[in-house]
Amino acid sequence: MSTRTAAVSRATKETKIALSINLDGKGTAELNTGVPFFEHMLDQIARHGMVDLKIDCDGDTHVDDHHTVEDIGIALGTALKQALGDKAGIVRYGHAYVPLDEALSRVVIDLSGRPSLNYRVNHTAPLIGRFDTQLVREFFQGLTNASAMTLHIDNIAGFNEHHIVETIFKAFGRALRMAISADDRSAGVIPSTKGAL
């Protein structure tokens, strides 16, 4: 596979984002979003997905964190789609179960070309520090739509909200790592009977 990188810029009246991704990286992240807990979660995607991420965002966090989190999801999904190109030679599907103490989450990905988020998480608290837990879904909705992936997120167990959310992001990183990996048995072949994803 050729170098799988992408850089995107997104500017609105609410956020200005510069984002780059390397799908064949070492799991490093350079993050400047103005939302510390969210950066902790993005770092999980990079580390467990073994992708390099660089994100700079100047957002209207004086209002709240919604626009920043959602728009980074859109930018990340856009970059992921660009970096994957025609998706020839990838596994396409990925899944992971990740525990953290009492919490357990499952994430399943299909890089299908069809956006569909199936989010089954019963959050146990509205906030983690100042971070609004409703924004977890908003992030993944933006990412799903922009990348055109099918994404299932299920929290299976847990009562500590930080643990629950962290298992989701770690599992997403692990599932993504599997889905974007090279399939040695189908090098150069698009993994679909349609011939396109």
N, C-alpha and C. Protein backbone atom coordinates (compact mmCIF):
# COMPACT_ATOMS: atom_id res chain seq x y z
N MET A 1 0.84 -1.19 0.00
CA MET A 1 0.00 0.00 0.00
C MET A 1 0.88 1.24 0.00
N SER A 2 0.43 2.27 -0.70
CA SER A 2 1.16 3.53 -0.73
C SER A 2 1.00 4.25 0.61
N THR A 3 1.70 5.35 0.74
CA THR A 3 1.61 6.14 1.97
C THR A 3 0.18 6.58 2.20
N ARG A 4 -0.31 6.31 3.38
CA ARG A 4 -1.72 6.61 3.68
C ARG A 4 -1.78 7.76 4.67
N THR A 5 -1.72 8.94 4.14
CA THR A 5 -1.77 10.15 4.95
C THR A 5 -2.79 11.11 4.37
N ALA A 6 -3.22 12.04 5.20
CA ALA A 6 -4.13 13.10 4.73
C ALA A 6 -4.01 14.29 5.67
N ALA A 7 -4.27 15.46 5.11
CA ALA A 7 -4.32 16.69 5.90
C ALA A 7 -5.56 17.46 5.47
N VAL A 8 -6.35 17.87 6.43
CA VAL A 8 -7.56 18.62 6.11
C VAL A 8 -7.63 19.88 6.97
N SER A 9 -8.29 20.88 6.40
CA SER A 9 -8.58 22.11 7.13
C SER A 9 -10.08 22.32 7.09
N ARG A 10 -10.62 22.79 8.20
CA ARG A 10 -12.05 23.06 8.27
C ARG A 10 -12.23 24.37 9.03
N ALA A 11 -12.90 25.32 8.41
CA ALA A 11 -13.09 26.62 9.05
C ALA A 11 -14.55 27.04 8.97
N THR A 12 -15.13 27.32 10.10
CA THR A 12 -16.48 27.85 10.19
C THR A 12 -16.46 29.04 11.15
N LYS A 13 -17.60 29.62 11.40
CA LYS A 13 -17.68 30.70 12.38
C LYS A 13 -17.49 30.20 13.80
N GLU A 14 -17.53 28.87 13.97
CA GLU A 14 -17.44 28.28 15.30
C GLU A 14 -16.08 27.64 15.60
N THR A 15 -15.44 27.10 14.56
CA THR A 15 -14.15 26.42 14.76
C THR A 15 -13.24 26.63 13.56
N LYS A 16 -11.95 26.59 13.85
CA LYS A 16 -10.92 26.55 12.79
C LYS A 16 -10.02 25.37 13.12
N ILE A 17 -9.98 24.39 12.23
CA ILE A 17 -9.30 23.12 12.50
C ILE A 17 -8.28 22.83 11.41
N ALA A 18 -7.08 22.43 11.85
CA ALA A 18 -6.07 21.85 10.96
C ALA A 18 -5.75 20.48 11.52
N LEU A 19 -5.92 19.45 10.71
CA LEU A 19 -5.79 18.07 11.18
C LEU A 19 -5.02 17.26 10.15
N SER A 20 -4.09 16.45 10.64
CA SER A 20 -3.39 15.52 9.76
C SER A 20 -3.36 14.14 10.40
N ILE A 21 -3.32 13.12 9.54
CA ILE A 21 -3.33 11.73 10.00
C ILE A 21 -2.38 10.90 9.15
N ASN A 22 -1.72 9.97 9.81
CA ASN A 22 -0.89 8.96 9.14
C ASN A 22 -1.38 7.61 9.63
N LEU A 23 -1.99 6.86 8.74
CA LEU A 23 -2.58 5.58 9.13
C LEU A 23 -1.54 4.51 9.43
N ASP A 24 -0.31 4.76 9.00
CA ASP A 24 0.76 3.79 9.24
C ASP A 24 1.80 4.39 10.18
N GLY A 25 1.31 5.05 11.21
CA GLY A 25 2.18 5.75 12.14
C GLY A 25 2.61 4.88 13.31
N LYS A 26 3.02 5.57 14.36
CA LYS A 26 3.52 4.90 15.56
C LYS A 26 2.65 5.16 16.79
N GLY A 27 1.48 5.78 16.56
CA GLY A 27 0.57 6.02 17.67
C GLY A 27 0.84 7.31 18.42
N THR A 28 1.43 8.29 17.75
CA THR A 28 1.73 9.57 18.40
C THR A 28 0.61 10.57 18.15
N ALA A 29 0.45 11.48 19.08
CA ALA A 29 -0.59 12.50 18.96
C ALA A 29 -0.05 13.85 19.42
N GLU A 30 -0.29 14.86 18.62
CA GLU A 30 -0.04 16.25 18.98
C GLU A 30 -1.39 16.95 18.94
N LEU A 31 -1.88 17.32 20.11
CA LEU A 31 -3.27 17.76 20.22
C LEU A 31 -3.37 19.11 20.90
N ASN A 32 -4.09 20.01 20.27
CA ASN A 32 -4.35 21.33 20.84
C ASN A 32 -5.79 21.70 20.50
N THR A 33 -6.70 21.29 21.38
CA THR A 33 -8.12 21.49 21.11
C THR A 33 -8.82 22.43 22.08
N GLY A 34 -8.20 22.67 23.23
CA GLY A 34 -8.85 23.48 24.26
C GLY A 34 -9.80 22.68 25.13
N VAL A 35 -9.86 21.35 24.90
CA VAL A 35 -10.75 20.48 25.68
C VAL A 35 -9.91 19.33 26.23
N PRO A 36 -9.36 19.47 27.44
CA PRO A 36 -8.36 18.51 27.94
C PRO A 36 -8.83 17.06 27.99
N PHE A 37 -10.02 16.79 28.50
CA PHE A 37 -10.47 15.40 28.56
C PHE A 37 -10.60 14.80 27.17
N PHE A 38 -11.10 15.58 26.24
CA PHE A 38 -11.25 15.12 24.86
C PHE A 38 -9.89 14.79 24.25
N GLU A 39 -8.89 15.58 24.56
CA GLU A 39 -7.53 15.28 24.09
C GLU A 39 -7.05 13.95 24.65
N HIS A 40 -7.37 13.68 25.90
CA HIS A 40 -7.02 12.40 26.51
C HIS A 40 -7.66 11.25 25.73
N MET A 41 -8.88 11.44 25.25
CA MET A 41 -9.57 10.41 24.48
C MET A 41 -9.01 10.28 23.07
N LEU A 42 -8.71 11.40 22.42
CA LEU A 42 -8.11 11.35 21.08
C LEU A 42 -6.76 10.65 21.12
N ASP A 43 -6.04 10.85 22.21
CA ASP A 43 -4.75 10.18 22.39
C ASP A 43 -4.94 8.66 22.44
N GLN A 44 -6.06 8.20 22.99
CA GLN A 44 -6.35 6.76 23.01
C GLN A 44 -6.53 6.22 21.60
N ILE A 45 -7.22 6.98 20.75
CA ILE A 45 -7.40 6.54 19.36
C ILE A 45 -6.06 6.40 18.67
N ALA A 46 -5.21 7.42 18.83
CA ALA A 46 -3.89 7.38 18.19
C ALA A 46 -3.07 6.21 18.70
N ARG A 47 -2.99 6.08 20.03
CA ARG A 47 -2.11 5.06 20.62
C ARG A 47 -2.58 3.65 20.29
N HIS A 48 -3.87 3.41 20.46
CA HIS A 48 -4.38 2.05 20.25
C HIS A 48 -4.65 1.74 18.78
N GLY A 49 -4.86 2.79 17.99
CA GLY A 49 -5.03 2.59 16.55
C GLY A 49 -3.72 2.57 15.80
N MET A 50 -2.63 2.94 16.49
CA MET A 50 -1.31 3.06 15.86
C MET A 50 -1.36 3.97 14.63
N VAL A 51 -2.07 5.08 14.81
CA VAL A 51 -2.10 6.13 13.80
C VAL A 51 -1.51 7.39 14.43
N ASP A 52 -0.86 8.19 13.61
CA ASP A 52 -0.34 9.47 14.09
C ASP A 52 -1.38 10.54 13.82
N LEU A 53 -1.67 11.33 14.84
CA LEU A 53 -2.65 12.41 14.73
C LEU A 53 -2.03 13.73 15.12
N LYS A 54 -2.31 14.75 14.35
CA LYS A 54 -1.97 16.11 14.74
C LYS A 54 -3.22 16.96 14.55
N ILE A 55 -3.68 17.57 15.63
CA ILE A 55 -4.93 18.35 15.58
C ILE A 55 -4.71 19.67 16.28
N ASP A 56 -4.97 20.75 15.56
CA ASP A 56 -5.03 22.09 16.14
C ASP A 56 -6.42 22.63 15.90
N CYS A 57 -7.06 23.06 16.96
CA CYS A 57 -8.42 23.59 16.84
C CYS A 57 -8.57 24.85 17.67
N ASP A 58 -9.04 25.89 17.05
CA ASP A 58 -9.42 27.12 17.74
C ASP A 58 -10.94 27.19 17.69
N GLY A 59 -11.58 26.79 18.78
CA GLY A 59 -13.03 26.70 18.80
C GLY A 59 -13.66 27.63 19.81
N ASP A 60 -14.97 27.77 19.71
CA ASP A 60 -15.70 28.68 20.60
C ASP A 60 -16.02 28.00 21.93
N THR A 61 -14.99 27.55 22.62
CA THR A 61 -15.18 26.85 23.89
C THR A 61 -15.69 27.79 24.99
N HIS A 62 -15.68 29.11 24.73
CA HIS A 62 -16.30 30.03 25.68
C HIS A 62 -17.82 29.86 25.69
N VAL A 63 -18.35 29.29 24.60
CA VAL A 63 -19.79 28.96 24.55
C VAL A 63 -19.98 27.62 25.25
N ASP A 64 -19.41 26.58 24.67
CA ASP A 64 -19.26 25.25 25.28
C ASP A 64 -18.37 24.45 24.34
N ASP A 65 -18.22 23.16 24.61
CA ASP A 65 -17.28 22.35 23.84
C ASP A 65 -17.91 21.65 22.64
N HIS A 66 -19.20 21.85 22.45
CA HIS A 66 -19.94 21.08 21.45
C HIS A 66 -19.36 21.23 20.05
N HIS A 67 -19.20 22.46 19.59
CA HIS A 67 -18.76 22.67 18.21
C HIS A 67 -17.35 22.13 17.99
N THR A 68 -16.48 22.30 18.98
CA THR A 68 -15.12 21.80 18.86
C THR A 68 -15.10 20.29 18.72
N VAL A 69 -15.82 19.60 19.57
CA VAL A 69 -15.81 18.13 19.56
C VAL A 69 -16.46 17.59 18.29
N GLU A 70 -17.60 18.12 17.92
CA GLU A 70 -18.31 17.65 16.73
C GLU A 70 -17.49 17.92 15.46
N ASP A 71 -16.94 19.11 15.34
CA ASP A 71 -16.22 19.48 14.13
C ASP A 71 -14.90 18.71 14.00
N ILE A 72 -14.26 18.40 15.12
CA ILE A 72 -13.07 17.55 15.04
C ILE A 72 -13.46 16.15 14.57
N GLY A 73 -14.61 15.66 14.99
CA GLY A 73 -15.10 14.37 14.48
C GLY A 73 -15.29 14.41 12.98
N ILE A 74 -15.86 15.49 12.47
CA ILE A 74 -16.06 15.64 11.03
C ILE A 74 -14.71 15.70 10.31
N ALA A 75 -13.78 16.50 10.84
CA ALA A 75 -12.47 16.63 10.20
C ALA A 75 -11.70 15.32 10.23
N LEU A 76 -11.77 14.59 11.35
CA LEU A 76 -11.08 13.31 11.45
C LEU A 76 -11.67 12.30 10.48
N GLY A 77 -12.98 12.27 10.37
CA GLY A 77 -13.63 11.36 9.42
C GLY A 77 -13.26 11.68 7.99
N THR A 78 -13.19 12.97 7.67
CA THR A 78 -12.81 13.40 6.32
C THR A 78 -11.38 12.96 6.01
N ALA A 79 -10.47 13.16 6.96
CA ALA A 79 -9.07 12.78 6.77
C ALA A 79 -8.93 11.27 6.64
N LEU A 80 -9.66 10.53 7.45
CA LEU A 80 -9.61 9.07 7.38
C LEU A 80 -10.05 8.57 6.01
N LYS A 81 -11.13 9.13 5.52
CA LYS A 81 -11.64 8.73 4.20
C LYS A 81 -10.62 9.04 3.11
N GLN A 82 -10.00 10.21 3.17
CA GLN A 82 -8.99 10.58 2.17
C GLN A 82 -7.78 9.66 2.24
N ALA A 83 -7.31 9.40 3.46
CA ALA A 83 -6.10 8.58 3.63
C ALA A 83 -6.32 7.15 3.14
N LEU A 84 -7.53 6.63 3.25
CA LEU A 84 -7.82 5.26 2.83
C LEU A 84 -7.93 5.10 1.32
N GLY A 85 -8.19 6.19 0.61
CA GLY A 85 -8.31 6.11 -0.85
C GLY A 85 -9.40 5.15 -1.27
N ASP A 86 -9.08 4.24 -2.21
CA ASP A 86 -10.11 3.31 -2.70
C ASP A 86 -10.27 2.09 -1.80
N LYS A 87 -9.47 2.01 -0.72
CA LYS A 87 -9.55 0.94 0.29
C LYS A 87 -9.10 -0.43 -0.21
N ALA A 88 -8.43 -0.45 -1.34
CA ALA A 88 -7.93 -1.72 -1.87
C ALA A 88 -6.91 -2.32 -0.91
N GLY A 89 -7.06 -3.61 -0.65
CA GLY A 89 -6.08 -4.35 0.14
C GLY A 89 -6.22 -4.23 1.63
N ILE A 90 -7.28 -3.60 2.14
CA ILE A 90 -7.46 -3.50 3.59
C ILE A 90 -8.38 -4.62 4.09
N VAL A 91 -8.34 -4.84 5.39
CA VAL A 91 -9.21 -5.84 6.00
C VAL A 91 -10.67 -5.42 5.90
N ARG A 92 -10.95 -4.13 6.07
CA ARG A 92 -12.27 -3.50 5.99
C ARG A 92 -13.04 -3.57 7.30
N TYR A 93 -13.09 -4.72 7.92
CA TYR A 93 -13.84 -4.89 9.16
C TYR A 93 -12.90 -4.88 10.36
N GLY A 94 -13.37 -4.34 11.47
CA GLY A 94 -12.58 -4.37 12.69
C GLY A 94 -13.48 -4.44 13.90
N HIS A 95 -12.99 -5.07 14.96
CA HIS A 95 -13.77 -5.15 16.19
C HIS A 95 -12.82 -5.22 17.38
N ALA A 96 -13.31 -4.78 18.52
CA ALA A 96 -12.51 -4.86 19.74
C ALA A 96 -13.41 -4.79 20.97
N TYR A 97 -13.06 -5.59 21.95
CA TYR A 97 -13.60 -5.48 23.30
C TYR A 97 -12.50 -4.89 24.17
N VAL A 98 -12.80 -3.86 24.94
CA VAL A 98 -11.79 -3.27 25.82
C VAL A 98 -12.38 -3.10 27.23
N PRO A 99 -11.71 -3.65 28.24
CA PRO A 99 -12.11 -3.42 29.63
C PRO A 99 -11.26 -2.32 30.27
N LEU A 100 -11.80 -1.71 31.26
CA LEU A 100 -11.05 -0.83 32.17
C LEU A 100 -11.71 -0.96 33.54
N ASP A 101 -11.07 -1.73 34.41
CA ASP A 101 -11.66 -2.05 35.71
C ASP A 101 -13.06 -2.62 35.52
N GLU A 102 -14.08 -1.96 36.03
CA GLU A 102 -15.43 -2.52 35.97
C GLU A 102 -16.13 -2.29 34.63
N ALA A 103 -15.55 -1.42 33.79
CA ALA A 103 -16.19 -1.04 32.53
C ALA A 103 -15.73 -1.94 31.39
N LEU A 104 -16.63 -2.17 30.44
CA LEU A 104 -16.35 -2.98 29.26
C LEU A 104 -17.15 -2.45 28.09
N SER A 105 -16.47 -2.20 26.98
CA SER A 105 -17.15 -1.73 25.77
C SER A 105 -16.69 -2.52 24.56
N ARG A 106 -17.59 -2.57 23.57
CA ARG A 106 -17.31 -3.25 22.31
C ARG A 106 -17.54 -2.25 21.17
N VAL A 107 -16.61 -2.23 20.23
CA VAL A 107 -16.75 -1.41 19.03
C VAL A 107 -16.52 -2.29 17.80
N VAL A 108 -17.41 -2.16 16.83
CA VAL A 108 -17.31 -2.90 15.57
C VAL A 108 -17.40 -1.91 14.43
N ILE A 109 -16.46 -2.01 13.48
CA ILE A 109 -16.35 -1.08 12.35
C ILE A 109 -16.47 -1.84 11.05
N ASP A 110 -17.18 -1.23 10.10
CA ASP A 110 -17.15 -1.66 8.70
C ASP A 110 -16.88 -0.41 7.87
N LEU A 111 -15.75 -0.39 7.17
CA LEU A 111 -15.42 0.74 6.30
C LEU A 111 -16.18 0.57 4.99
N SER A 112 -17.48 0.69 5.11
CA SER A 112 -18.43 0.25 4.10
C SER A 112 -18.73 1.27 3.02
N GLY A 113 -18.42 2.53 3.26
CA GLY A 113 -18.87 3.58 2.36
C GLY A 113 -20.29 4.03 2.64
N ARG A 114 -20.87 3.50 3.70
CA ARG A 114 -22.23 3.86 4.09
C ARG A 114 -22.23 4.33 5.54
N PRO A 115 -22.55 5.58 5.79
CA PRO A 115 -22.52 6.08 7.17
C PRO A 115 -23.68 5.57 8.00
N SER A 116 -23.35 4.91 9.12
CA SER A 116 -24.39 4.42 10.02
C SER A 116 -23.78 4.29 11.42
N LEU A 117 -24.26 5.10 12.35
CA LEU A 117 -23.81 5.01 13.73
C LEU A 117 -24.89 4.33 14.56
N ASN A 118 -24.48 3.29 15.28
CA ASN A 118 -25.38 2.58 16.18
C ASN A 118 -24.74 2.65 17.57
N TYR A 119 -25.28 3.54 18.40
CA TYR A 119 -24.64 3.94 19.65
C TYR A 119 -25.52 3.52 20.81
N ARG A 120 -25.08 2.51 21.54
CA ARG A 120 -25.86 1.98 22.65
C ARG A 120 -25.03 2.11 23.94
N VAL A 121 -25.12 3.28 24.52
CA VAL A 121 -24.35 3.60 25.72
C VAL A 121 -25.28 4.30 26.71
N ASN A 122 -25.38 3.75 27.90
CA ASN A 122 -26.13 4.41 28.96
C ASN A 122 -25.15 5.12 29.87
N HIS A 123 -24.95 6.42 29.60
CA HIS A 123 -24.01 7.19 30.39
C HIS A 123 -24.50 7.31 31.83
N THR A 124 -23.59 7.20 32.77
CA THR A 124 -23.96 7.21 34.19
C THR A 124 -23.83 8.58 34.83
N ALA A 125 -23.25 9.54 34.10
CA ALA A 125 -23.09 10.89 34.63
C ALA A 125 -23.09 11.88 33.47
N PRO A 126 -23.61 13.08 33.69
CA PRO A 126 -23.67 14.06 32.60
C PRO A 126 -22.33 14.72 32.31
N LEU A 127 -21.41 14.69 33.27
CA LEU A 127 -20.14 15.38 33.10
C LEU A 127 -18.98 14.50 33.58
N ILE A 128 -17.84 14.64 32.91
CA ILE A 128 -16.56 14.14 33.41
C ILE A 128 -15.71 15.38 33.57
N GLY A 129 -15.53 15.84 34.78
CA GLY A 129 -14.95 17.17 34.97
C GLY A 129 -15.90 18.19 34.37
N ARG A 130 -15.42 18.91 33.36
CA ARG A 130 -16.30 19.86 32.66
C ARG A 130 -16.81 19.30 31.34
N PHE A 131 -16.37 18.07 30.99
CA PHE A 131 -16.70 17.51 29.68
C PHE A 131 -18.10 16.92 29.68
N ASP A 132 -18.93 17.37 28.75
CA ASP A 132 -20.31 16.90 28.60
C ASP A 132 -20.29 15.53 27.92
N THR A 133 -20.78 14.51 28.61
CA THR A 133 -20.71 13.16 28.08
C THR A 133 -21.60 12.96 26.84
N GLN A 134 -22.57 13.83 26.62
CA GLN A 134 -23.36 13.75 25.39
C GLN A 134 -22.51 13.98 24.15
N LEU A 135 -21.36 14.62 24.33
CA LEU A 135 -20.50 14.95 23.19
C LEU A 135 -19.77 13.73 22.64
N VAL A 136 -19.72 12.65 23.40
CA VAL A 136 -19.10 11.43 22.89
C VAL A 136 -19.85 10.96 21.65
N ARG A 137 -21.17 10.91 21.76
CA ARG A 137 -21.98 10.51 20.59
C ARG A 137 -21.84 11.51 19.46
N GLU A 138 -21.81 12.80 19.77
CA GLU A 138 -21.70 13.82 18.73
C GLU A 138 -20.39 13.68 17.96
N PHE A 139 -19.30 13.38 18.67
CA PHE A 139 -18.02 13.16 18.01
C PHE A 139 -18.10 11.99 17.04
N PHE A 140 -18.61 10.86 17.50
CA PHE A 140 -18.65 9.68 16.65
C PHE A 140 -19.68 9.83 15.52
N GLN A 141 -20.73 10.62 15.74
CA GLN A 141 -21.68 10.87 14.66
C GLN A 141 -21.01 11.66 13.54
N GLY A 142 -20.27 12.71 13.91
CA GLY A 142 -19.56 13.49 12.90
C GLY A 142 -18.53 12.66 12.16
N LEU A 143 -17.79 11.84 12.90
CA LEU A 143 -16.76 10.98 12.30
C LEU A 143 -17.39 9.95 11.36
N THR A 144 -18.47 9.34 11.81
CA THR A 144 -19.16 8.33 11.00
C THR A 144 -19.67 8.92 9.69
N ASN A 145 -20.32 10.06 9.77
CA ASN A 145 -20.89 10.69 8.58
C ASN A 145 -19.80 11.05 7.58
N ALA A 146 -18.71 11.66 8.08
CA ALA A 146 -17.67 12.16 7.18
C ALA A 146 -16.82 11.04 6.59
N SER A 147 -16.63 9.96 7.35
CA SER A 147 -15.80 8.86 6.85
C SER A 147 -16.61 7.84 6.07
N ALA A 148 -17.93 7.90 6.20
CA ALA A 148 -18.84 6.93 5.56
C ALA A 148 -18.53 5.51 6.02
N MET A 149 -18.43 5.35 7.35
CA MET A 149 -18.25 4.02 7.92
C MET A 149 -19.52 3.59 8.65
N THR A 150 -19.66 2.30 8.82
CA THR A 150 -20.68 1.77 9.73
C THR A 150 -19.98 1.51 11.06
N LEU A 151 -20.57 2.02 12.13
CA LEU A 151 -19.92 1.97 13.44
C LEU A 151 -20.93 1.55 14.50
N HIS A 152 -20.63 0.46 15.19
CA HIS A 152 -21.44 0.01 16.31
C HIS A 152 -20.63 0.20 17.59
N ILE A 153 -21.21 0.90 18.55
CA ILE A 153 -20.59 1.14 19.85
C ILE A 153 -21.53 0.66 20.92
N ASP A 154 -21.06 -0.29 21.72
CA ASP A 154 -21.89 -0.83 22.80
C ASP A 154 -21.11 -0.81 24.10
N ASN A 155 -21.65 -0.15 25.11
CA ASN A 155 -21.09 -0.28 26.45
C ASN A 155 -21.81 -1.44 27.13
N ILE A 156 -21.03 -2.41 27.55
CA ILE A 156 -21.58 -3.65 28.09
C ILE A 156 -21.67 -3.62 29.61
N ALA A 157 -20.71 -2.95 30.25
CA ALA A 157 -20.70 -2.89 31.72
C ALA A 157 -19.96 -1.62 32.14
N GLY A 158 -20.25 -1.19 33.37
CA GLY A 158 -19.52 -0.06 33.92
C GLY A 158 -20.42 0.88 34.70
N PHE A 159 -19.84 1.54 35.70
CA PHE A 159 -20.56 2.58 36.42
C PHE A 159 -19.74 3.86 36.55
N ASN A 160 -18.43 3.78 36.39
CA ASN A 160 -17.60 4.97 36.43
C ASN A 160 -17.57 5.58 35.03
N GLU A 161 -18.06 6.80 34.90
CA GLU A 161 -18.25 7.40 33.57
C GLU A 161 -16.93 7.59 32.83
N HIS A 162 -15.88 7.96 33.53
CA HIS A 162 -14.57 8.10 32.90
C HIS A 162 -14.13 6.76 32.31
N HIS A 163 -14.30 5.70 33.07
CA HIS A 163 -13.93 4.36 32.58
C HIS A 163 -14.76 3.97 31.36
N ILE A 164 -16.04 4.24 31.41
CA ILE A 164 -16.93 3.88 30.30
C ILE A 164 -16.47 4.56 29.01
N VAL A 165 -16.28 5.86 29.08
CA VAL A 165 -15.91 6.61 27.88
C VAL A 165 -14.53 6.20 27.39
N GLU A 166 -13.62 5.97 28.31
CA GLU A 166 -12.27 5.59 27.90
C GLU A 166 -12.26 4.23 27.21
N THR A 167 -13.07 3.29 27.67
CA THR A 167 -13.13 1.99 27.00
C THR A 167 -13.68 2.13 25.58
N ILE A 168 -14.59 3.06 25.38
CA ILE A 168 -15.15 3.30 24.04
C ILE A 168 -14.06 3.79 23.09
N PHE A 169 -13.31 4.79 23.52
CA PHE A 169 -12.28 5.35 22.64
C PHE A 169 -11.14 4.36 22.40
N LYS A 170 -10.75 3.62 23.42
CA LYS A 170 -9.71 2.61 23.23
C LYS A 170 -10.19 1.52 22.28
N ALA A 171 -11.41 1.07 22.46
CA ALA A 171 -11.95 0.03 21.58
C ALA A 171 -12.08 0.53 20.16
N PHE A 172 -12.47 1.80 20.00
CA PHE A 172 -12.54 2.35 18.64
C PHE A 172 -11.15 2.33 18.00
N GLY A 173 -10.13 2.76 18.73
CA GLY A 173 -8.78 2.74 18.19
C GLY A 173 -8.35 1.35 17.78
N ARG A 174 -8.62 0.36 18.63
CA ARG A 174 -8.24 -1.03 18.33
C ARG A 174 -9.00 -1.57 17.12
N ALA A 175 -10.29 -1.28 17.05
CA ALA A 175 -11.10 -1.76 15.92
C ALA A 175 -10.66 -1.07 14.62
N LEU A 176 -10.34 0.20 14.72
CA LEU A 176 -9.87 0.92 13.54
C LEU A 176 -8.56 0.34 13.04
N ARG A 177 -7.67 0.04 13.97
CA ARG A 177 -6.37 -0.55 13.61
C ARG A 177 -6.56 -1.83 12.82
N MET A 178 -7.50 -2.66 13.23
CA MET A 178 -7.77 -3.91 12.53
C MET A 178 -8.35 -3.63 11.14
N ALA A 179 -9.33 -2.73 11.07
CA ALA A 179 -10.04 -2.48 9.81
C ALA A 179 -9.14 -1.89 8.74
N ILE A 180 -8.20 -1.03 9.12
CA ILE A 180 -7.35 -0.37 8.12
C ILE A 180 -6.09 -1.17 7.80
N SER A 181 -5.91 -2.30 8.50
CA SER A 181 -4.71 -3.11 8.29
C SER A 181 -4.71 -3.74 6.91
N ALA A 182 -3.50 -4.01 6.42
CA ALA A 182 -3.36 -4.67 5.12
C ALA A 182 -3.78 -6.14 5.23
N ASP A 183 -4.55 -6.58 4.27
CA ASP A 183 -4.94 -7.98 4.16
C ASP A 183 -4.01 -8.63 3.13
N ASP A 184 -3.04 -9.37 3.61
CA ASP A 184 -2.01 -9.92 2.73
C ASP A 184 -2.57 -10.85 1.66
N ARG A 185 -3.71 -11.43 1.93
CA ARG A 185 -4.29 -12.39 0.96
C ARG A 185 -5.06 -11.70 -0.15
N SER A 186 -5.34 -10.40 0.02
CA SER A 186 -6.10 -9.70 -1.02
C SER A 186 -5.44 -8.37 -1.37
N ALA A 187 -4.12 -8.40 -1.49
CA ALA A 187 -3.38 -7.18 -1.82
C ALA A 187 -3.90 -6.58 -3.12
N GLY A 188 -4.25 -5.30 -3.06
CA GLY A 188 -4.72 -4.59 -4.24
C GLY A 188 -6.16 -4.83 -4.60
N VAL A 189 -6.84 -5.68 -3.85
CA VAL A 189 -8.23 -6.00 -4.15
C VAL A 189 -9.15 -5.22 -3.21
N ILE A 190 -10.17 -4.60 -3.78
CA ILE A 190 -11.16 -3.90 -2.97
C ILE A 190 -12.05 -4.93 -2.30
N PRO A 191 -12.16 -4.91 -0.95
CA PRO A 191 -12.89 -5.97 -0.25
C PRO A 191 -14.41 -5.81 -0.31
N SER A 192 -14.94 -5.94 -1.52
CA SER A 192 -16.39 -5.86 -1.72
C SER A 192 -16.74 -6.53 -3.04
N THR A 193 -17.85 -7.26 -3.06
CA THR A 193 -18.30 -7.88 -4.31
C THR A 193 -18.78 -6.81 -5.29
N LYS A 194 -19.05 -5.60 -4.80
CA LYS A 194 -19.46 -4.50 -5.66
C LYS A 194 -18.29 -3.93 -6.47
N GLY A 195 -17.07 -4.17 -5.95
CA GLY A 195 -15.90 -3.61 -6.61
C GLY A 195 -15.59 -2.19 -6.19
N ALA A 196 -16.34 -1.68 -5.22
CA ALA A 196 -16.10 -0.31 -4.74
C ALA A 196 -16.66 -0.18 -3.33
N LEU A 197 -15.99 0.66 -2.54
CA LEU A 197 -16.48 0.95 -1.19
C LEU A 197 -16.58 2.46 -1.02
